[in-house]
C-alpha cells in the first residue's frame, strides 16, 4: 500500500531533482550570518506580578507551584522541565511534567514531603530504600472551564527527567539525562526512556524502554505515520537517533536503534564551531547507521555511531514533530555557539529499504548570531499556525530567558520574557491550539497562556 507521504513525494520527485543535498559540495568558510526578524505578536508588556511579560492580549494563569499539596497527599516537586499535553476527552487534557531531580535532590521532592518515600512502583532506590526523586507529575486540566481538576505523582525512581515527547497512542516518553551507574545513590543503571500513559490516575510502574538506548537522553518525538521515535542527546558531540519499532505503538517490543549520517559525508560535523560546514537553509540528504549495542554500560552510543559515520550535533535538546517534519534544537551549536535549530524531513520510505533511493533530508533552519535574538534554545514546540516557540536556557549568573518565536521563513521574534532568575521549559499546546502551557524550572511553576494566536503583526 502506498502511504500519503509516499504519494506526495512521488509527485514531487521530478520537480525536486537537483534541489536537495546533492548540491552540497564542500565546507564553507566561516562567514557572518544575518538573522531575519519578525514583529511577531508585538511588543512585550511588563507583568505587574513580576513573572512573565507577554504581548498585548495575552495572559497567563498559574496552575501549579512548588510545594503545593497534590491530590495524592504528596507535594509538587521542584525542577520542572519537559512537559507534554495529551487529550483525555473533549475538554480535559493531561499535562505530564518532568522533574529533573537527582539523588542529591531528595529535599526538592517537595518541602515537608512525607519521607522517606517508598514505592514498589519506583524504578530505583538509594541505599536507604528511598525512591530516587526523579520522575513525573500529571495535571488534569479542563480547557473549557480553565480549572485544574487533579494533580498527582505519576512516575518515580528515575534520575534527571529532562525532556521527552508525546506519542500518537496517548502517552508521554520521559527521558533520563543521566548515565548513572549502581552506587549507594542507586542500585541500577540509568540513561533510559520511560513511558507514562495519559490515562494513568496515579503512579505507574517505571519500566525502562531499553531499545531506545542508554545514553544522556534529552527529548523524543514520534512520527504519527510510521511510529518511528526520534531522540536527541545532550552532549557536545551528540548524535540524532531513531528507533524503528518492531510494533507500532508498542515500544516495549523493541526495534532497531540507528543514528543519522549525512549521505556522502561520513562523520559530518553540523556544529559549525571552528569552520562552517553546514550552510543555513540547504537540505542535505541523509542516511542512518546501526547502533550495535543500544544498552551499553559504557556511555558510548555516540562513539559507536560516530565511528560508523554518524553526524555530530551540538547538544541536541528539544525536539518536536510538525506537520511533515520535525525540528530540534542544538543548544550551543553555531559559529558563535549561541544555538541552532535543525529541521528533518523523513523519507517517504522512512525506515524501509526504499529509503536509500529516496532519502530523508536535514536542514540547518536557524543559526543564532545574536544573543539578543536567540540564546541557547532548549525545549521547543510548534504553534497552531506553524511557528516554533523556543525556550531559552542561558548559562550565566544572571539570566534573561525568553520564549522566542520563529516563523516558517526562519524569522525570529520575542514572544515572552521571564522576569524571574530561572528558565522556561516544557512548552506545549493544548489539542485545540488555544492554550500554551509552560514550566518555570525552579521554584517550579506551571503556567497556562492564552491569547490571540492568529493575530500576528505584519
Protein backbone atom coordinates (compact mmCIF):
# COMPACT_ATOMS: atom_id res chain seq x y z
CA UNK A 1 0.00 0.00 0.00
CA UNK A 2 1.28 3.50 -0.86
CA UNK A 3 1.19 5.89 2.10
CA UNK A 4 0.15 9.51 1.87
CA UNK A 5 3.77 10.57 2.27
CA UNK A 6 5.00 8.24 -0.49
CA UNK A 7 2.33 9.57 -2.87
CA UNK A 8 3.24 13.19 -2.10
CA UNK A 9 6.96 12.58 -2.57
CA UNK A 10 6.40 10.64 -5.80
CA UNK A 11 4.53 13.59 -7.30
CA UNK A 12 7.36 15.94 -6.45
CA UNK A 13 10.33 13.75 -7.35
CA UNK A 14 10.97 15.17 -10.83
CA UNK A 15 10.39 18.76 -9.74
CA UNK A 16 12.77 18.33 -6.84
CA UNK A 17 15.56 16.69 -8.86
CA UNK A 18 18.80 18.52 -8.23
CA UNK A 19 17.28 20.61 -5.44
CA UNK A 20 18.39 18.56 -2.42
CA UNK A 21 21.64 17.75 -0.67
CA UNK A 22 23.27 16.66 -3.92
CA UNK A 23 24.21 20.32 -4.49
CA UNK A 24 26.27 20.35 -1.31
CA UNK A 25 29.94 20.05 -2.20
CA UNK A 26 32.44 21.31 0.36
CA UNK A 27 32.76 23.11 3.69
CA UNK A 28 32.03 26.82 3.68
CA UNK A 29 34.32 29.41 5.17
CA UNK A 30 33.21 30.89 8.48
CA UNK A 31 31.09 33.86 7.43
CA UNK A 32 28.72 36.20 9.18
CA UNK A 33 25.07 35.18 9.35
CA UNK A 34 22.34 37.75 9.05
CA UNK A 35 19.36 36.68 11.11
CA UNK A 36 15.87 37.53 9.90
CA UNK A 37 13.42 39.04 12.37
CA UNK A 38 9.65 39.45 12.62
CA UNK A 39 7.33 41.69 14.63
CA UNK A 40 5.62 38.55 15.87
CA UNK A 41 2.74 39.37 18.20
CA UNK A 42 4.05 42.82 19.00
CA UNK A 43 5.96 44.41 21.90
CA UNK A 44 6.09 42.71 25.27
CA UNK A 45 4.22 44.31 28.17
CA UNK A 46 5.75 44.18 31.65
CA UNK A 47 3.93 41.88 34.08
CA UNK A 48 2.81 43.61 37.32
CA UNK A 49 3.16 40.22 39.05
CA UNK A 50 6.82 40.09 38.04
CA UNK A 51 6.67 36.68 36.37
CA UNK A 52 6.19 36.80 32.59
CA UNK A 53 5.95 39.67 30.08
CA UNK A 54 3.65 38.90 27.13
CA UNK A 55 2.31 40.74 24.07
CA UNK A 56 -0.94 42.70 24.27
CA UNK A 57 -3.99 40.45 24.53
CA UNK A 58 -2.14 37.51 26.09
CA UNK A 59 -2.41 36.46 29.72
CA UNK A 60 -1.31 33.59 31.94
CA UNK A 61 -2.74 31.55 34.78
CA UNK A 62 -0.58 29.80 37.41
CA UNK A 63 -1.79 26.18 37.60
CA UNK A 64 0.74 24.68 39.99
CA UNK A 65 3.66 25.72 42.20
CA UNK A 66 6.49 24.02 44.06
CA UNK A 67 5.25 22.66 47.39
CA UNK A 68 1.52 22.74 46.58
CA UNK A 69 -0.34 19.76 48.00
CA UNK A 70 -1.42 17.33 45.29
CA UNK A 71 -4.45 15.04 45.27
CA UNK A 72 -2.36 12.03 46.36
CA UNK A 73 -1.21 13.86 49.51
CA UNK A 74 2.28 14.47 48.13
CA UNK A 75 3.71 17.89 47.35
CA UNK A 76 4.67 19.34 43.95
CA UNK A 77 8.39 18.62 43.38
CA UNK A 78 10.88 21.17 42.08
CA UNK A 79 12.86 21.46 38.83
CA UNK A 80 10.02 21.11 36.33
CA UNK A 81 11.45 20.60 32.86
CA UNK A 82 9.95 18.99 29.75
CA UNK A 83 6.18 18.52 29.56
CA UNK A 84 3.60 17.07 27.20
CA UNK A 85 -0.09 17.77 26.70
CA UNK A 86 -2.38 14.86 25.79
CA UNK A 87 -6.17 14.81 25.33
CA UNK A 88 -8.32 12.82 27.75
CA UNK A 89 -11.72 13.77 26.36
CA UNK A 90 -13.37 16.70 24.58
CA UNK A 91 -12.48 19.21 27.30
CA UNK A 92 -9.84 17.67 29.54
CA UNK A 93 -6.12 17.23 28.94
CA UNK A 94 -3.33 15.55 30.87
CA UNK A 95 -0.19 17.63 31.37
CA UNK A 96 2.62 15.20 32.17
CA UNK A 97 5.53 17.13 33.65
CA UNK A 98 9.13 16.01 34.15
CA UNK A 99 11.13 16.79 37.28
CA UNK A 100 14.86 16.94 36.69
CA UNK A 101 15.84 15.67 40.13
CA UNK A 102 18.93 13.68 41.06
CA UNK A 103 19.59 11.54 44.17
CA UNK A 104 21.09 14.60 45.90
CA UNK A 105 17.79 16.46 45.40
CA UNK A 106 15.66 14.38 47.76
CA UNK A 107 14.75 17.52 49.71
CA UNK A 108 13.50 19.14 46.48
CA UNK A 109 10.92 16.41 46.07
CA UNK A 110 8.81 18.95 47.95
CA UNK A 111 9.31 20.88 51.20
CA UNK A 112 7.71 18.92 54.02
CA UNK A 113 7.20 15.90 51.76
CA UNK A 114 6.43 12.69 53.67
CA UNK A 115 9.81 10.99 54.00
CA UNK A 116 11.22 8.57 53.28
CA UNK A 117 9.11 7.99 50.17
CA UNK A 118 8.97 4.33 49.20
CA UNK A 119 7.04 2.60 46.47
CA UNK A 120 7.18 -0.81 44.82
CA UNK A 121 6.49 1.02 41.55
CA UNK A 122 9.73 3.04 41.69
CA UNK A 123 12.42 2.21 39.17
CA UNK A 124 15.33 2.66 41.58
CA UNK A 125 16.06 3.33 45.25
CA UNK A 126 19.02 4.51 47.29
CA UNK A 127 20.82 2.54 50.00
CA UNK A 128 18.07 3.53 52.49
CA UNK A 129 15.43 2.10 50.14
CA UNK A 130 14.05 5.57 49.39
CA UNK A 131 12.79 6.06 45.85
CA UNK A 132 15.06 8.28 43.77
CA UNK A 133 13.24 11.61 43.36
CA UNK A 134 13.26 11.99 39.56
CA UNK A 135 10.06 11.27 37.69
CA UNK A 136 6.84 12.90 36.53
CA UNK A 137 3.71 14.52 37.88
CA UNK A 138 0.42 14.71 36.00
CA UNK A 139 -2.03 17.61 35.99
CA UNK A 140 -5.57 17.17 34.65
CA UNK A 141 -6.74 20.49 33.22
CA UNK A 142 -10.16 21.41 31.83
CA UNK A 143 -9.71 23.64 28.77
CA UNK A 144 -13.39 24.67 28.83
CA UNK A 145 -13.54 25.82 32.46
CA UNK A 146 -9.89 26.79 32.81
CA UNK A 147 -9.60 24.77 36.02
CA UNK A 148 -7.03 22.25 37.21
CA UNK A 149 -9.05 19.20 38.28
CA UNK A 150 -6.36 16.82 39.55
CA UNK A 151 -2.63 16.63 40.21
CA UNK A 152 -0.58 13.62 41.29
CA UNK A 153 2.73 11.79 41.07
CA UNK A 154 2.81 9.51 38.02
CA UNK A 155 6.42 8.16 37.85
CA UNK A 156 9.19 7.89 40.45
CA UNK A 157 12.64 6.38 40.96
CA UNK A 158 14.41 7.82 37.92
CA UNK A 159 17.20 10.39 37.54
CA UNK A 160 17.17 13.81 35.86
CA UNK A 161 13.99 13.50 33.83
CA UNK A 162 14.86 16.26 31.43
CA UNK A 163 12.51 16.36 28.47
CA UNK A 164 10.65 13.79 26.37
CA UNK A 165 7.79 13.71 23.91
CA UNK A 166 4.17 12.76 23.41
CA UNK A 167 3.14 9.70 21.40
CA UNK A 168 0.25 9.33 18.94
CA UNK A 169 -1.10 6.49 21.11
CA UNK A 170 -1.63 8.70 24.15
CA UNK A 171 1.44 8.58 26.37
CA UNK A 172 4.44 10.66 27.41
CA UNK A 173 8.00 9.45 26.86
CA UNK A 174 10.09 10.79 29.73
CA UNK A 175 13.87 10.79 29.23
CA UNK A 176 16.69 10.45 31.75
CA UNK A 177 19.52 12.90 31.13
CA UNK A 178 21.86 10.69 33.08
CA UNK A 179 24.15 7.71 32.70
CA UNK A 180 24.47 6.96 36.42
CA UNK A 181 25.69 3.51 37.36
CA UNK A 182 24.91 1.45 40.50
CA UNK A 183 26.16 3.03 43.76
CA UNK A 184 24.87 3.99 47.20
CA UNK A 185 22.76 6.60 45.39
CA UNK A 186 21.02 3.99 43.28
CA UNK A 187 21.03 0.28 42.59
CA UNK A 188 20.54 0.34 38.82
CA UNK A 189 21.89 1.71 35.57
CA UNK A 190 20.25 4.89 34.31
CA UNK A 191 20.05 6.61 30.94
CA UNK A 192 16.71 5.28 29.72
CA UNK A 193 13.31 6.37 28.45
CA UNK A 194 10.13 5.52 30.38
CA UNK A 195 6.51 5.70 29.24
CA UNK A 196 3.63 7.28 31.18
CA UNK A 197 0.07 6.85 29.81
CA UNK A 198 -2.08 9.97 29.82
CA UNK A 199 -4.91 7.95 31.38
CA UNK A 200 -2.88 6.84 34.40
CA UNK A 201 -4.60 8.14 37.53
CA UNK A 202 -1.60 7.69 39.81
CA UNK A 203 1.83 6.12 39.92
CA UNK A 204 2.69 3.74 37.08
CA UNK A 205 5.35 1.06 37.27
CA UNK A 206 8.59 2.54 35.95
CA UNK A 207 9.86 0.22 33.20
CA UNK A 208 12.84 1.28 31.07
CA UNK A 209 12.42 1.06 27.30
CA UNK A 210 15.90 -0.26 26.66
CA UNK A 211 15.54 -0.49 22.89
CA UNK A 212 15.57 3.32 22.85
CA UNK A 213 19.16 3.20 24.05
CA UNK A 214 21.11 4.02 27.17
CA UNK A 215 22.64 7.49 26.81
CA UNK A 216 22.34 11.08 28.06
CA UNK A 217 18.80 11.46 26.74
CA UNK A 218 17.15 14.82 26.27
CA UNK A 219 13.93 14.61 24.27
CA UNK A 220 11.90 12.46 21.90
CA UNK A 221 9.23 12.80 19.22
CA UNK A 222 7.22 10.27 17.24
CA UNK A 223 6.22 10.31 13.57
CA UNK A 224 2.49 9.54 13.80
CA UNK A 225 2.51 7.82 10.41
CA UNK A 226 5.34 5.34 11.00
CA UNK A 227 5.63 5.23 14.79
CA UNK A 228 9.39 5.86 14.45
CA UNK A 229 10.82 7.60 17.52
CA UNK A 230 13.48 10.30 17.11
CA UNK A 231 15.73 11.06 20.07
CA UNK A 232 18.17 13.83 21.00
CA UNK A 233 21.26 13.59 23.20
CA UNK A 234 22.60 16.38 25.41
CA UNK A 235 26.33 16.13 24.71
CA UNK A 236 28.72 18.39 22.84
CA UNK A 237 29.40 15.52 20.44
CA UNK A 238 25.84 14.21 20.36
CA UNK A 239 24.02 12.25 17.68
CA UNK A 240 20.42 12.22 16.48
CA UNK A 241 18.92 8.76 16.95
CA UNK A 242 15.83 6.97 15.72
CA UNK A 243 14.14 3.75 16.79
CA UNK A 244 12.35 1.79 14.08
CA UNK A 245 9.87 -0.12 16.25
CA UNK A 246 9.02 -3.77 15.82
CA UNK A 247 5.37 -2.90 16.53
CA UNK A 248 3.64 0.45 16.06
CA UNK A 249 2.69 1.85 19.45
CA UNK A 250 4.43 -0.88 21.45
CA UNK A 251 7.94 0.32 22.25
CA UNK A 252 8.39 -2.41 24.83
CA UNK A 253 8.50 -4.84 21.88
CA UNK A 254 11.84 -3.33 20.84
CA UNK A 255 13.19 -2.30 17.49
CA UNK A 256 16.29 -1.13 15.65
CA UNK A 257 18.22 1.88 17.02
CA UNK A 258 20.13 3.98 14.48
CA UNK A 259 21.94 7.33 14.23
CA UNK A 260 21.70 9.89 11.45
CA UNK A 261 24.52 10.43 8.95
CA UNK A 262 24.80 12.87 6.04
CA UNK A 263 24.83 10.96 2.76
CA UNK A 264 28.24 11.11 1.13
CA UNK A 265 29.83 12.89 4.10
CA UNK A 266 30.63 10.37 6.86
CA UNK A 267 31.29 11.88 10.29
CA UNK A 268 29.79 15.18 9.13
CA UNK A 269 30.07 18.00 11.70
CA UNK A 270 26.90 20.13 11.81
CA UNK A 271 28.11 22.21 14.77
CA UNK A 272 29.90 24.91 12.71
CA UNK A 273 32.16 25.64 15.67
CA UNK A 274 35.60 26.05 14.11
CA UNK A 275 34.51 26.15 10.48
CA UNK A 276 31.15 26.42 8.81
CA UNK A 277 30.46 23.01 7.30
CA UNK A 278 26.67 23.34 7.25
CA UNK A 279 25.06 26.29 5.47
CA UNK A 280 21.75 27.73 6.65
CA UNK A 281 18.81 26.68 4.50
CA UNK A 282 20.47 23.88 2.50
CA UNK A 283 18.76 20.48 2.51
CA UNK A 284 21.24 17.61 2.85
CA UNK A 285 20.36 14.01 2.05
CA UNK A 286 20.69 11.64 4.98
CA UNK A 287 21.31 8.00 5.73
CA UNK A 288 21.26 6.06 9.01
CA UNK A 289 23.81 3.81 10.69
CA UNK A 290 23.02 1.00 13.13
CA UNK A 291 23.90 1.23 16.83
CA UNK A 292 25.37 -2.17 17.60
CA UNK A 293 24.94 -2.11 21.40
CA UNK A 294 21.99 0.13 22.40
CA UNK A 295 22.12 -0.91 26.07
CA UNK A 296 25.88 -0.47 26.50
CA UNK A 297 27.07 0.11 30.07
CA UNK A 298 29.94 2.27 28.80
CA UNK A 299 28.12 5.51 27.80
CA UNK A 300 29.48 5.04 24.29
CA UNK A 301 26.50 5.05 21.92
CA UNK A 302 27.59 8.33 20.36
CA UNK A 303 31.08 6.87 19.86
CA UNK A 304 29.63 3.74 18.28
CA UNK A 305 27.56 5.83 15.88
CA UNK A 306 30.34 8.30 15.03
CA UNK A 307 32.76 5.52 14.18
CA UNK A 308 30.10 4.15 11.81
CA UNK A 309 29.85 7.57 10.12
CA UNK A 310 27.08 9.38 12.06
CA UNK A 311 26.86 13.17 12.04
CA UNK A 312 27.75 15.28 15.08
CA UNK A 313 25.36 17.79 16.67
CA UNK A 314 25.98 20.38 19.39
CA UNK A 315 23.96 19.36 22.44
CA UNK A 316 20.72 18.15 20.92
CA UNK A 317 17.85 19.20 23.18
CA UNK A 318 14.17 19.89 22.46
CA UNK A 319 12.60 18.03 19.52
CA UNK A 320 9.04 18.29 18.20
CA UNK A 321 7.04 16.79 15.36
CA UNK A 322 5.37 19.26 12.98
CA UNK A 323 3.07 18.50 10.04
CA UNK A 324 5.57 16.77 7.75
CA UNK A 325 8.89 17.21 9.52
CA UNK A 326 10.50 17.51 12.91
CA UNK A 327 12.54 20.33 14.43
CA UNK A 328 15.21 20.06 17.10
CA UNK A 329 17.45 22.49 18.97
CA UNK A 330 21.23 22.23 19.22
CA UNK A 331 21.74 24.40 22.28
CA UNK A 332 25.29 25.65 21.73
CA UNK A 333 25.67 25.00 18.02
CA UNK A 334 26.82 27.58 15.51
CA UNK A 335 29.97 29.59 14.92
CA UNK A 336 29.15 31.80 17.93
CA UNK A 337 27.90 28.83 19.97
CA UNK A 338 24.56 30.57 20.63
CA UNK A 339 22.37 27.80 19.26
CA UNK A 340 20.95 26.21 16.14
CA UNK A 341 17.58 24.83 15.09
CA UNK A 342 17.59 21.86 12.73
CA UNK A 343 14.76 20.50 10.57
CA UNK A 344 14.42 16.96 9.26
CA UNK A 345 12.01 15.79 6.57
CA UNK A 346 11.65 11.99 6.67
CA UNK A 347 11.83 9.87 3.58
CA UNK A 348 8.57 8.68 2.03
CA UNK A 349 10.02 5.24 2.82
CA UNK A 350 11.49 6.12 6.22
CA UNK A 351 12.92 3.06 7.93
CA UNK A 352 12.33 0.75 4.95
CA UNK A 353 14.55 -0.42 2.05
CA UNK A 354 13.20 2.22 -0.35
CA UNK A 355 14.71 4.92 1.86
CA UNK A 356 18.14 4.60 0.20
CA UNK A 357 16.74 5.77 -3.15
CA UNK A 358 14.52 8.50 -1.67
CA UNK A 359 16.36 9.66 1.45
CA UNK A 360 15.21 11.99 4.17
CA UNK A 361 16.76 15.46 4.31
CA UNK A 362 18.36 17.55 7.06
CA UNK A 363 18.39 21.35 7.14
CA UNK A 364 20.05 23.94 9.36
CA UNK A 365 16.89 26.02 9.76
CA UNK A 366 18.22 28.77 12.05
CA UNK A 367 21.65 29.58 13.46
CA UNK A 368 21.89 32.30 16.07
CA UNK A 369 24.46 35.02 15.52
CA UNK A 370 22.99 37.40 18.11
CA UNK A 371 22.26 36.53 21.74
CA UNK A 372 19.63 39.29 21.81
CA UNK A 373 17.60 37.40 19.20
CA UNK A 374 18.10 33.75 20.25
CA UNK A 375 20.28 32.50 23.07
CA UNK A 376 20.69 28.77 23.86
CA UNK A 377 17.45 27.29 22.55
CA UNK A 378 16.29 24.28 24.58
CA UNK A 379 12.73 22.88 24.65
CA UNK A 380 10.54 23.80 21.68
CA UNK A 381 7.04 23.32 20.34
CA UNK A 382 5.02 24.20 17.23
CA UNK A 383 2.15 26.71 17.28
CA UNK A 384 -1.19 26.12 15.52
CA UNK A 385 -0.01 28.39 12.69
CA UNK A 386 3.25 26.52 12.17
CA UNK A 387 5.60 28.81 14.08
CA UNK A 388 8.12 27.50 16.59
CA UNK A 389 8.12 28.54 20.25
CA UNK A 390 11.58 28.01 21.74
CA UNK A 391 12.51 28.08 25.44
CA UNK A 392 15.85 29.76 26.12
CA UNK A 393 18.25 28.35 28.71
CA UNK A 394 21.19 30.65 29.40
CA UNK A 395 24.27 29.68 31.36
CA UNK A 396 25.24 32.88 33.18
CA UNK A 397 24.91 34.05 36.78
CA UNK A 398 22.14 36.46 35.75
CA UNK A 399 19.79 35.16 33.08
CA UNK A 400 17.33 36.91 30.78
CA UNK A 401 15.38 34.00 29.38
CA UNK A 402 12.67 34.34 26.75
CA UNK A 403 10.22 32.31 24.77
CA UNK A 404 11.30 33.02 21.19
CA UNK A 405 9.05 32.63 18.20
CA UNK A 406 10.33 31.56 14.78
CA UNK A 407 8.19 31.88 11.64
CA UNK A 408 8.18 29.22 8.89
CA UNK A 409 10.51 31.56 6.98
CA UNK A 410 13.06 31.48 9.82
CA UNK A 411 12.25 34.96 11.17
CA UNK A 412 12.83 35.29 14.93
CA UNK A 413 10.78 37.33 17.41
CA UNK A 414 10.32 37.54 21.21
CA UNK A 415 7.04 36.04 22.45
CA UNK A 416 7.60 36.22 26.22
CA UNK A 417 10.24 37.37 28.70
CA UNK A 418 10.75 35.76 32.10
CA UNK A 419 11.27 38.20 34.98
CA UNK A 420 12.48 35.51 37.42
CA UNK A 421 16.01 34.08 37.58
CA UNK A 422 15.29 30.64 36.20
CA UNK A 423 14.49 29.07 32.83
CA UNK A 424 11.32 28.37 30.89
CA UNK A 425 10.77 24.76 29.87
CA UNK A 426 8.22 22.24 28.67
CA UNK A 427 6.31 24.47 26.24
CA UNK A 428 3.37 22.57 24.71
CA UNK A 429 -0.04 23.39 23.25
CA UNK A 430 -3.49 22.09 24.08
CA UNK A 431 -5.01 19.98 21.29
CA UNK A 432 -7.34 22.84 20.30
CA UNK A 433 -4.34 25.17 19.91
CA UNK A 434 -5.79 27.80 22.25
CA UNK A 435 -3.54 27.36 25.30
CA UNK A 436 0.23 27.25 25.61
CA UNK A 437 1.46 25.52 28.75
CA UNK A 438 4.97 26.17 30.05
CA UNK A 439 7.01 25.46 33.18
CA UNK A 440 9.21 27.68 35.27
CA UNK A 441 12.07 25.40 36.22
CA UNK A 442 12.84 26.36 39.84
CA UNK A 443 10.99 27.15 42.00
CA UNK A 444 8.55 25.15 39.88
CA UNK A 445 5.51 26.86 38.44
CA UNK A 446 3.31 25.64 35.59
CA UNK A 447 1.52 28.33 33.57
CA UNK A 448 -1.31 28.30 31.06
CA UNK A 449 -1.02 31.10 28.46
CA UNK A 450 -3.94 32.18 26.30
CA UNK A 451 -4.43 34.91 23.75
CA UNK A 452 -4.95 35.86 20.09
CA UNK A 453 -2.71 33.23 18.47
CA UNK A 454 -3.92 34.05 14.96
CA UNK A 455 -3.33 37.81 15.22
CA UNK A 456 0.27 38.17 14.11
CA UNK A 457 1.64 41.61 13.28
CA UNK A 458 2.80 42.05 9.69
